[in-house]
Amino acid sequence: MKTTAFLDHWTACPDCHPRHDRYCSVGRELWVQDQVEWFMSQPDDIKKSELAAMQRNNPVWHGVVKQRVIDAYNAQKRSTGDDQGKNNVYVLRGNDR
């Protein structure tokens, strides 16, 4: 589970300070992966509302997390056959990145 890797990293890393949203490059990548994992475990309506909240509360990383959630969502749909042969289930608009 990526969450464990994230927690293990920031508790041992002197450069990572989650309460202040400060991470080293490895810590930030693990944080993004942890966010994507959490979003993917939520129902679609919760994903939308929480992504909107993230846009307000953490606009710097919102675009990165949102794009990765979309990529993971599309991959999940393709792997289960729910995309009905479409190339993309959801595409992030250019002005939304």
PDB file of N, CA and C in Angstrom:
ATOM      1  N   MET A   1       0.844  -1.178   0.000  1.00  0.00           N
ATOM      2  CA  MET A   1       0.000   0.000   0.000  1.00  0.00           C
ATOM      3  C   MET A   1       0.890   1.242   0.000  1.00  0.00           C
ATOM      4  N   LYS A   2       0.600   2.180  -0.889  1.00  0.00           N
ATOM      5  CA  LYS A   2       1.418   3.378  -1.030  1.00  0.00           C
ATOM      6  C   LYS A   2       1.348   4.271   0.202  1.00  0.00           C
ATOM      7  N   THR A   3       0.219   4.265   0.900  1.00  0.00           N
ATOM      8  CA  THR A   3       0.073   5.093   2.089  1.00  0.00           C
ATOM      9  C   THR A   3       1.151   4.768   3.101  1.00  0.00           C
ATOM     10  N   THR A   4       1.449   3.495   3.269  1.00  0.00           N
ATOM     11  CA  THR A   4       2.499   3.087   4.200  1.00  0.00           C
ATOM     12  C   THR A   4       3.838   3.640   3.764  1.00  0.00           C
ATOM     13  N   ALA A   5       4.136   3.588   2.467  1.00  0.00           N
ATOM     14  CA  ALA A   5       5.395   4.127   1.963  1.00  0.00           C
ATOM     15  C   ALA A   5       5.470   5.627   2.230  1.00  0.00           C
ATOM     16  N   PHE A   6       4.363   6.333   2.018  1.00  0.00           N
ATOM     17  CA  PHE A   6       4.318   7.770   2.273  1.00  0.00           C
ATOM     18  C   PHE A   6       4.567   8.069   3.756  1.00  0.00           C
ATOM     19  N   LEU A   7       3.846   7.381   4.628  1.00  0.00           N
ATOM     20  CA  LEU A   7       4.017   7.604   6.071  1.00  0.00           C
ATOM     21  C   LEU A   7       5.421   7.257   6.531  1.00  0.00           C
ATOM     22  N   ASP A   8       5.936   6.128   6.061  1.00  0.00           N
ATOM     23  CA  ASP A   8       7.294   5.730   6.432  1.00  0.00           C
ATOM     24  C   ASP A   8       8.309   6.771   5.985  1.00  0.00           C
ATOM     25  N   HIS A   9       8.094   7.310   4.788  1.00  0.00           N
ATOM     26  CA  HIS A   9       9.053   8.285   4.264  1.00  0.00           C
ATOM     27  C   HIS A   9       9.039   9.571   5.077  1.00  0.00           C
ATOM     28  N   TRP A  10       7.869  10.202   5.204  1.00  0.00           N
ATOM     29  CA  TRP A  10       7.883  11.519   5.855  1.00  0.00           C
ATOM     30  C   TRP A  10       8.199  11.469   7.335  1.00  0.00           C
ATOM     31  N   THR A  11       7.953  10.337   7.993  1.00  0.00           N
ATOM     32  CA  THR A  11       8.332  10.267   9.403  1.00  0.00           C
ATOM     33  C   THR A  11       9.842  10.157   9.573  1.00  0.00           C
ATOM     34  N   ALA A  12      10.533   9.631   8.549  1.00  0.00           N
ATOM     35  CA  ALA A  12      11.990   9.473   8.628  1.00  0.00           C
ATOM     36  C   ALA A  12      12.753  10.593   7.933  1.00  0.00           C
ATOM     37  N   CYS A  13      12.114  11.319   7.051  1.00  0.00           N
ATOM     38  CA  CYS A  13      12.797  12.336   6.244  1.00  0.00           C
ATOM     39  C   CYS A  13      12.838  13.681   6.982  1.00  0.00           C
ATOM     40  N   PRO A  14      14.020  14.234   7.175  1.00  0.00           N
ATOM     41  CA  PRO A  14      14.109  15.522   7.877  1.00  0.00           C
ATOM     42  C   PRO A  14      13.582  16.706   7.057  1.00  0.00           C
ATOM     43  N   ASP A  15      13.425  16.522   5.744  1.00  0.00           N
ATOM     44  CA  ASP A  15      12.960  17.615   4.885  1.00  0.00           C
ATOM     45  C   ASP A  15      11.445  17.638   4.700  1.00  0.00           C
ATOM     46  N   CYS A  16      10.756  16.608   5.124  1.00  0.00           N
ATOM     47  CA  CYS A  16       9.304  16.519   4.928  1.00  0.00           C
ATOM     48  C   CYS A  16       8.562  16.990   6.172  1.00  0.00           C
ATOM     49  N   HIS A  17       7.663  17.959   5.958  1.00  0.00           N
ATOM     50  CA  HIS A  17       6.865  18.530   7.048  1.00  0.00           C
ATOM     51  C   HIS A  17       5.412  18.633   6.582  1.00  0.00           C
ATOM     52  N   PRO A  18       4.639  17.538   6.730  1.00  0.00           N
ATOM     53  CA  PRO A  18       3.261  17.504   6.224  1.00  0.00           C
ATOM     54  C   PRO A  18       2.358  18.611   6.750  1.00  0.00           C
ATOM     55  N   ARG A  19       2.518  18.988   7.994  1.00  0.00           N
ATOM     56  CA  ARG A  19       1.639  20.023   8.548  1.00  0.00           C
ATOM     57  C   ARG A  19       1.826  21.362   7.852  1.00  0.00           C
ATOM     58  N   HIS A  20       2.984  21.536   7.221  1.00  0.00           N
ATOM     59  CA  HIS A  20       3.271  22.783   6.510  1.00  0.00           C
ATOM     60  C   HIS A  20       3.284  22.579   4.993  1.00  0.00           C
ATOM     61  N   ASP A  21       2.864  21.397   4.539  1.00  0.00           N
ATOM     62  CA  ASP A  21       2.827  21.045   3.121  1.00  0.00           C
ATOM     63  C   ASP A  21       4.192  21.215   2.463  1.00  0.00           C
ATOM     64  N   ARG A  22       5.236  20.805   3.174  1.00  0.00           N
ATOM     65  CA  ARG A  22       6.602  20.864   2.646  1.00  0.00           C
ATOM     66  C   ARG A  22       7.161  19.453   2.578  1.00  0.00           C
ATOM     67  N   TYR A  23       7.577  19.071   1.378  1.00  0.00           N
ATOM     68  CA  TYR A  23       8.104  17.731   1.153  1.00  0.00           C
ATOM     69  C   TYR A  23       9.323  17.797   0.254  1.00  0.00           C
ATOM     70  N   CYS A  24      10.213  16.827   0.401  1.00  0.00           N
ATOM     71  CA  CYS A  24      11.288  16.659  -0.566  1.00  0.00           C
ATOM     72  C   CYS A  24      10.660  16.085  -1.836  1.00  0.00           C
ATOM     73  N   SER A  25      11.426  15.932  -2.898  1.00  0.00           N
ATOM     74  CA  SER A  25      10.849  15.459  -4.165  1.00  0.00           C
ATOM     75  C   SER A  25      10.254  14.054  -4.033  1.00  0.00           C
ATOM     76  N   VAL A  26      10.915  13.182  -3.291  1.00  0.00           N
ATOM     77  CA  VAL A  26      10.391  11.822  -3.088  1.00  0.00           C
ATOM     78  C   VAL A  26       9.127  11.877  -2.237  1.00  0.00           C
ATOM     79  N   GLY A  27       9.143  12.668  -1.186  1.00  0.00           N
ATOM     80  CA  GLY A  27       7.971  12.806  -0.323  1.00  0.00           C
ATOM     81  C   GLY A  27       6.781  13.371  -1.074  1.00  0.00           C
ATOM     82  N   ARG A  28       7.023  14.366  -1.955  1.00  0.00           N
ATOM     83  CA  ARG A  28       5.924  14.958  -2.729  1.00  0.00           C
ATOM     84  C   ARG A  28       5.322  13.923  -3.672  1.00  0.00           C
ATOM     85  N   GLU A  29       6.169  13.139  -4.336  1.00  0.00           N
ATOM     86  CA  GLU A  29       5.654  12.107  -5.248  1.00  0.00           C
ATOM     87  C   GLU A  29       4.830  11.078  -4.480  1.00  0.00           C
ATOM     88  N   LEU A  30       5.306  10.672  -3.321  1.00  0.00           N
ATOM     89  CA  LEU A  30       4.552   9.717  -2.505  1.00  0.00           C
ATOM     90  C   LEU A  30       3.241  10.331  -2.017  1.00  0.00           C
ATOM     91  N   TRP A  31       3.252  11.630  -1.706  1.00  0.00           N
ATOM     92  CA  TRP A  31       2.028  12.319  -1.296  1.00  0.00           C
ATOM     93  C   TRP A  31       1.013  12.327  -2.437  1.00  0.00           C
ATOM     94  N   VAL A  32       1.482  12.637  -3.653  1.00  0.00           N
ATOM     95  CA  VAL A  32       0.579  12.645  -4.817  1.00  0.00           C
ATOM     96  C   VAL A  32      -0.003  11.253  -5.024  1.00  0.00           C
ATOM     97  N   GLN A  33       0.838  10.227  -4.965  1.00  0.00           N
ATOM     98  CA  GLN A  33       0.355   8.857  -5.134  1.00  0.00           C
ATOM     99  C   GLN A  33      -0.663   8.491  -4.057  1.00  0.00           C
ATOM    100  N   ASP A  34      -0.421   8.942  -2.836  1.00  0.00           N
ATOM    101  CA  ASP A  34      -1.348   8.682  -1.733  1.00  0.00           C
ATOM    102  C   ASP A  34      -2.689   9.370  -1.982  1.00  0.00           C
ATOM    103  N   GLN A  35      -2.645  10.598  -2.481  1.00  0.00           N
ATOM    104  CA  GLN A  35      -3.874  11.314  -2.793  1.00  0.00           C
ATOM    105  C   GLN A  35      -4.667  10.597  -3.879  1.00  0.00           C
ATOM    106  N   VAL A  36      -3.983  10.159  -4.927  1.00  0.00           N
ATOM    107  CA  VAL A  36      -4.653   9.456  -6.026  1.00  0.00           C
ATOM    108  C   VAL A  36      -5.272   8.162  -5.519  1.00  0.00           C
ATOM    109  N   GLU A  37      -4.534   7.430  -4.704  1.00  0.00           N
ATOM    110  CA  GLU A  37      -5.049   6.178  -4.143  1.00  0.00           C
ATOM    111  C   GLU A  37      -6.320   6.443  -3.333  1.00  0.00           C
ATOM    112  N   TRP A  38      -6.316   7.508  -2.532  1.00  0.00           N
ATOM    113  CA  TRP A  38      -7.493   7.832  -1.730  1.00  0.00           C
ATOM    114  C   TRP A  38      -8.667   8.210  -2.634  1.00  0.00           C
ATOM    115  N   PHE A  39      -8.430   9.090  -3.613  1.00  0.00           N
ATOM    116  CA  PHE A  39      -9.508   9.505  -4.515  1.00  0.00           C
ATOM    117  C   PHE A  39     -10.101   8.309  -5.249  1.00  0.00           C
ATOM    118  N   MET A  40      -9.266   7.387  -5.691  1.00  0.00           N
ATOM    119  CA  MET A  40      -9.754   6.230  -6.442  1.00  0.00           C
ATOM    120  C   MET A  40     -10.580   5.287  -5.573  1.00  0.00           C
ATOM    121  N   SER A  41     -10.431   5.378  -4.268  1.00  0.00           N
ATOM    122  CA  SER A  41     -11.212   4.509  -3.379  1.00  0.00           C
ATOM    123  C   SER A  41     -12.590   5.107  -3.060  1.00  0.00           C
ATOM    124  N   GLN A  42     -12.852   6.319  -3.540  1.00  0.00           N
ATOM    125  CA  GLN A  42     -14.100   7.015  -3.243  1.00  0.00           C
ATOM    126  C   GLN A  42     -15.111   6.854  -4.377  1.00  0.00           C
ATOM    127  N   PRO A  43     -16.407   6.966  -4.080  1.00  0.00           N
ATOM    128  CA  PRO A  43     -17.426   6.976  -5.137  1.00  0.00           C
ATOM    129  C   PRO A  43     -17.245   8.217  -6.022  1.00  0.00           C
ATOM    130  N   ASP A  44     -17.762   8.156  -7.241  1.00  0.00           N
ATOM    131  CA  ASP A  44     -17.563   9.237  -8.210  1.00  0.00           C
ATOM    132  C   ASP A  44     -18.033  10.600  -7.700  1.00  0.00           C
ATOM    133  N   ASP A  45     -19.169  10.667  -7.013  1.00  0.00           N
ATOM    134  CA  ASP A  45     -19.655  11.965  -6.537  1.00  0.00           C
ATOM    135  C   ASP A  45     -18.729  12.557  -5.478  1.00  0.00           C
ATOM    136  N   ILE A  46     -18.148  11.706  -4.656  1.00  0.00           N
ATOM    137  CA  ILE A  46     -17.192  12.179  -3.643  1.00  0.00           C
ATOM    138  C   ILE A  46     -15.914  12.644  -4.328  1.00  0.00           C
ATOM    139  N   LYS A  47     -15.457  11.905  -5.358  1.00  0.00           N
ATOM    140  CA  LYS A  47     -14.262  12.329  -6.107  1.00  0.00           C
ATOM    141  C   LYS A  47     -14.428  13.757  -6.596  1.00  0.00           C
ATOM    142  N   LYS A  48     -15.565  14.052  -7.207  1.00  0.00           N
ATOM    143  CA  LYS A  48     -15.799  15.384  -7.775  1.00  0.00           C
ATOM    144  C   LYS A  48     -15.800  16.466  -6.704  1.00  0.00           C
ATOM    145  N   SER A  49     -16.513  16.229  -5.619  1.00  0.00           N
ATOM    146  CA  SER A  49     -16.591  17.259  -4.582  1.00  0.00           C
ATOM    147  C   SER A  49     -15.253  17.460  -3.877  1.00  0.00           C
ATOM    148  N   GLU A  50     -14.528  16.369  -3.644  1.00  0.00           N
ATOM    149  CA  GLU A  50     -13.236  16.486  -2.964  1.00  0.00           C
ATOM    150  C   GLU A  50     -12.170  17.103  -3.874  1.00  0.00           C
ATOM    151  N   LEU A  51     -12.233  16.823  -5.183  1.00  0.00           N
ATOM    152  CA  LEU A  51     -11.308  17.476  -6.112  1.00  0.00           C
ATOM    153  C   LEU A  51     -11.583  18.982  -6.156  1.00  0.00           C
ATOM    154  N   ALA A  52     -12.855  19.359  -6.086  1.00  0.00           N
ATOM    155  CA  ALA A  52     -13.193  20.784  -6.037  1.00  0.00           C
ATOM    156  C   ALA A  52     -12.654  21.418  -4.759  1.00  0.00           C
ATOM    157  N   ALA A  53     -12.755  20.710  -3.648  1.00  0.00           N
ATOM    158  CA  ALA A  53     -12.216  21.218  -2.381  1.00  0.00           C
ATOM    159  C   ALA A  53     -10.701  21.330  -2.455  1.00  0.00           C
ATOM    160  N   MET A  54     -10.053  20.359  -3.094  1.00  0.00           N
ATOM    161  CA  MET A  54      -8.599  20.417  -3.233  1.00  0.00           C
ATOM    162  C   MET A  54      -8.187  21.623  -4.087  1.00  0.00           C
ATOM    163  N   GLN A  55      -8.989  21.934  -5.093  1.00  0.00           N
ATOM    164  CA  GLN A  55      -8.675  23.081  -5.946  1.00  0.00           C
ATOM    165  C   GLN A  55      -8.670  24.371  -5.120  1.00  0.00           C
ATOM    166  N   ARG A  56      -9.595  24.475  -4.171  1.00  0.00           N
ATOM    167  CA  ARG A  56      -9.643  25.657  -3.308  1.00  0.00           C
ATOM    168  C   ARG A  56      -8.524  25.647  -2.274  1.00  0.00           C
ATOM    169  N   ASN A  57      -8.254  24.478  -1.689  1.00  0.00           N
ATOM    170  CA  ASN A  57      -7.333  24.394  -0.562  1.00  0.00           C
ATOM    171  C   ASN A  57      -5.873  24.162  -0.938  1.00  0.00           C
ATOM    172  N   ASN A  58      -5.631  23.561  -2.072  1.00  0.00           N
ATOM    173  CA  ASN A  58      -4.259  23.257  -2.487  1.00  0.00           C
ATOM    174  C   ASN A  58      -4.141  23.440  -4.000  1.00  0.00           C
ATOM    175  N   PRO A  59      -4.310  24.674  -4.490  1.00  0.00           N
ATOM    176  CA  PRO A  59      -4.349  24.888  -5.938  1.00  0.00           C
ATOM    177  C   PRO A  59      -3.039  24.547  -6.652  1.00  0.00           C
ATOM    178  N   VAL A  60      -1.925  24.612  -5.954  1.00  0.00           N
ATOM    179  CA  VAL A  60      -0.635  24.335  -6.593  1.00  0.00           C
ATOM    180  C   VAL A  60      -0.554  22.892  -7.077  1.00  0.00           C
ATOM    181  N   TRP A  61      -1.063  21.953  -6.285  1.00  0.00           N
ATOM    182  CA  TRP A  61      -0.952  20.531  -6.627  1.00  0.00           C
ATOM    183  C   TRP A  61      -2.247  19.937  -7.153  1.00  0.00           C
ATOM    184  N   HIS A  62      -3.304  20.719  -7.199  1.00  0.00           N
ATOM    185  CA  HIS A  62      -4.588  20.229  -7.662  1.00  0.00           C
ATOM    186  C   HIS A  62      -4.508  19.651  -9.075  1.00  0.00           C
ATOM    187  N   GLY A  63      -3.891  20.361  -9.991  1.00  0.00           N
ATOM    188  CA  GLY A  63      -3.815  19.911 -11.384  1.00  0.00           C
ATOM    189  C   GLY A  63      -3.100  18.591 -11.538  1.00  0.00           C
ATOM    190  N   VAL A  64      -2.008  18.425 -10.795  1.00  0.00           N
ATOM    191  CA  VAL A  64      -1.232  17.174 -10.866  1.00  0.00           C
ATOM    192  C   VAL A  64      -2.068  16.011 -10.342  1.00  0.00           C
ATOM    193  N   VAL A  65      -2.673  16.202  -9.179  1.00  0.00           N
ATOM    194  CA  VAL A  65      -3.480  15.134  -8.581  1.00  0.00           C
ATOM    195  C   VAL A  65      -4.685  14.822  -9.465  1.00  0.00           C
ATOM    196  N   LYS A  66      -5.361  15.855  -9.958  1.00  0.00           N
ATOM    197  CA  LYS A  66      -6.542  15.646 -10.788  1.00  0.00           C
ATOM    198  C   LYS A  66      -6.195  14.869 -12.058  1.00  0.00           C
ATOM    199  N   GLN A  67      -5.096  15.236 -12.717  1.00  0.00           N
ATOM    200  CA  GLN A  67      -4.711  14.528 -13.936  1.00  0.00           C
ATOM    201  C   GLN A  67      -4.393  13.061 -13.650  1.00  0.00           C
ATOM    202  N   ARG A  68      -3.720  12.808 -12.541  1.00  0.00           N
ATOM    203  CA  ARG A  68      -3.397  11.412 -12.197  1.00  0.00           C
ATOM    204  C   ARG A  68      -4.643  10.626 -11.823  1.00  0.00           C
ATOM    205  N   VAL A  69      -5.607  11.271 -11.163  1.00  0.00           N
ATOM    206  CA  VAL A  69      -6.874  10.599 -10.849  1.00  0.00           C
ATOM    207  C   VAL A  69      -7.595  10.252 -12.149  1.00  0.00           C
ATOM    208  N   ILE A  70      -7.618  11.186 -13.083  1.00  0.00           N
ATOM    209  CA  ILE A  70      -8.261  10.937 -14.379  1.00  0.00           C
ATOM    210  C   ILE A  70      -7.569   9.805 -15.110  1.00  0.00           C
ATOM    211  N   ASP A  71      -6.239   9.811 -15.123  1.00  0.00           N
ATOM    212  CA  ASP A  71      -5.494   8.735 -15.780  1.00  0.00           C
ATOM    213  C   ASP A  71      -5.793   7.379 -15.138  1.00  0.00           C
ATOM    214  N   ALA A  72      -5.822   7.347 -13.810  1.00  0.00           N
ATOM    215  CA  ALA A  72      -6.111   6.097 -13.101  1.00  0.00           C
ATOM    216  C   ALA A  72      -7.554   5.650 -13.354  1.00  0.00           C
ATOM    217  N   TYR A  73      -8.475   6.612 -13.386  1.00  0.00           N
ATOM    218  CA  TYR A  73      -9.888   6.308 -13.650  1.00  0.00           C
ATOM    219  C   TYR A  73     -10.044   5.719 -15.052  1.00  0.00           C
ATOM    220  N   ASN A  74      -9.408   6.355 -16.026  1.00  0.00           N
ATOM    221  CA  ASN A  74      -9.475   5.852 -17.398  1.00  0.00           C
ATOM    222  C   ASN A  74      -8.862   4.459 -17.511  1.00  0.00           C
ATOM    223  N   ALA A  75      -7.726   4.251 -16.871  1.00  0.00           N
ATOM    224  CA  ALA A  75      -7.081   2.935 -16.912  1.00  0.00           C
ATOM    225  C   ALA A  75      -7.977   1.880 -16.272  1.00  0.00           C
ATOM    226  N   GLN A  76      -8.626   2.244 -15.175  1.00  0.00           N
ATOM    227  CA  GLN A  76      -9.531   1.320 -14.502  1.00  0.00           C
ATOM    228  C   GLN A  76     -10.714   0.971 -15.405  1.00  0.00           C
ATOM    229  N   LYS A  77     -11.270   1.962 -16.066  1.00  0.00           N
ATOM    230  CA  LYS A  77     -12.400   1.721 -16.961  1.00  0.00           C
ATOM    231  C   LYS A  77     -11.991   0.840 -18.139  1.00  0.00           C
ATOM    232  N   ARG A  78     -10.815   1.108 -18.686  1.00  0.00           N
ATOM    233  CA  ARG A  78     -10.343   0.286 -19.813  1.00  0.00           C
ATOM    234  C   ARG A  78     -10.107  -1.155 -19.391  1.00  0.00           C
ATOM    235  N   SER A  79      -9.537  -1.339 -18.210  1.00  0.00           N
ATOM    236  CA  SER A  79      -9.209  -2.700 -17.769  1.00  0.00           C
ATOM    237  C   SER A  79     -10.454  -3.520 -17.465  1.00  0.00           C
ATOM    238  N   THR A  80     -11.552  -2.852 -17.096  1.00  0.00           N
ATOM    239  CA  THR A  80     -12.791  -3.580 -16.809  1.00  0.00           C
ATOM    240  C   THR A  80     -13.723  -3.637 -18.008  1.00  0.00           C
ATOM    241  N   GLY A  81     -13.367  -2.934 -19.096  1.00  0.00           N
ATOM    242  CA  GLY A  81     -14.213  -2.924 -20.288  1.00  0.00           C
ATOM    243  C   GLY A  81     -15.362  -1.949 -20.207  1.00  0.00           C
ATOM    244  N   ASP A  82     -15.381  -1.098 -19.179  1.00  0.00           N
ATOM    245  CA  ASP A  82     -16.471  -0.135 -19.010  1.00  0.00           C
ATOM    246  C   ASP A  82     -16.369   1.075 -19.931  1.00  0.00           C
ATOM    247  N   ASP A  83     -15.281   1.174 -20.682  1.00  0.00           N
ATOM    248  CA  ASP A  83     -15.131   2.353 -21.550  1.00  0.00           C
ATOM    249  C   ASP A  83     -15.788   2.151 -22.908  1.00  0.00           C
ATOM    250  N   GLN A  84     -16.306   0.977 -23.172  1.00  0.00           N
ATOM    251  CA  GLN A  84     -17.028   0.654 -24.408  1.00  0.00           C
ATOM    252  C   GLN A  84     -16.194   0.973 -25.647  1.00  0.00           C
ATOM    253  N   GLY A  85     -14.896   0.713 -25.558  1.00  0.00           N
ATOM    254  CA  GLY A  85     -14.010   0.895 -26.713  1.00  0.00           C
ATOM    255  C   GLY A  85     -13.584   2.317 -26.981  1.00  0.00           C
ATOM    256  N   LYS A  86     -13.918   3.244 -26.113  1.00  0.00           N
ATOM    257  CA  LYS A  86     -13.530   4.633 -26.314  1.00  0.00           C
ATOM    258  C   LYS A  86     -12.058   4.806 -25.949  1.00  0.00           C
ATOM    259  N   ASN A  87     -11.409   5.767 -26.582  1.00  0.00           N
ATOM    260  CA  ASN A  87     -10.005   6.032 -26.263  1.00  0.00           C
ATOM    261  C   ASN A  87      -9.853   6.664 -24.888  1.00  0.00           C
ATOM    262  N   ASN A  88     -10.754   7.548 -24.538  1.00  0.00           N
ATOM    263  CA  ASN A  88     -10.705   8.211 -23.238  1.00  0.00           C
ATOM    264  C   ASN A  88     -12.086   8.201 -22.617  1.00  0.00           C
ATOM    265  N   VAL A  89     -12.130   7.896 -21.346  1.00  0.00           N
ATOM    266  CA  VAL A  89     -13.387   7.952 -20.628  1.00  0.00           C
ATOM    267  C   VAL A  89     -13.624   9.385 -20.174  1.00  0.00           C
ATOM    268  N   TYR A  90     -12.572  10.051 -19.768  1.00  0.00           N
ATOM    269  CA  TYR A  90     -12.663  11.434 -19.329  1.00  0.00           C
ATOM    270  C   TYR A  90     -11.389  12.128 -19.751  1.00  0.00           C
ATOM    271  N   VAL A  91     -11.515  13.307 -20.307  1.00  0.00           N
ATOM    272  CA  VAL A  91     -10.350  14.071 -20.741  1.00  0.00           C
ATOM    273  C   VAL A  91     -10.357  15.394 -20.019  1.00  0.00           C
ATOM    274  N   LEU A  92      -9.218  15.743 -19.455  1.00  0.00           N
ATOM    275  CA  LEU A  92      -9.085  17.004 -18.746  1.00  0.00           C
ATOM    276  C   LEU A  92      -8.959  18.144 -19.756  1.00  0.00           C
ATOM    277  N   ARG A  93      -9.848  19.115 -19.637  1.00  0.00           N
ATOM    278  CA  ARG A  93      -9.798  20.269 -20.545  1.00  0.00           C
ATOM    279  C   ARG A  93      -8.499  21.048 -20.339  1.00  0.00           C
ATOM    280  N   GLY A  94      -8.007  21.678 -21.388  1.00  0.00           N
ATOM    281  CA  GLY A  94      -6.747  22.415 -21.335  1.00  0.00           C
ATOM    282  C   GLY A  94      -6.734  23.505 -20.294  1.00  0.00           C
ATOM    283  N   ASN A  95      -7.839  24.232 -20.121  1.00  0.00           N
ATOM    284  CA  ASN A  95      -7.882  25.307 -19.146  1.00  0.00           C
ATOM    285  C   ASN A  95      -8.115  24.811 -17.725  1.00  0.00           C
ATOM    286  N   ASP A  96      -8.289  23.510 -17.561  1.00  0.00           N
ATOM    287  CA  ASP A  96      -8.556  22.909 -16.252  1.00  0.00           C
ATOM    288  C   ASP A  96      -7.301  22.280 -15.656  1.00  0.00           C
ATOM    289  N   ARG A  97      -6.193  22.393 -16.350  1.00  0.00           N
ATOM    290  CA  ARG A  97      -4.940  21.764 -15.878  1.00  0.00           C
ATOM    291  C   ARG A  97      -4.172  22.669 -14.973  1.00  0.00           C
TER     292      ARG A  97
END
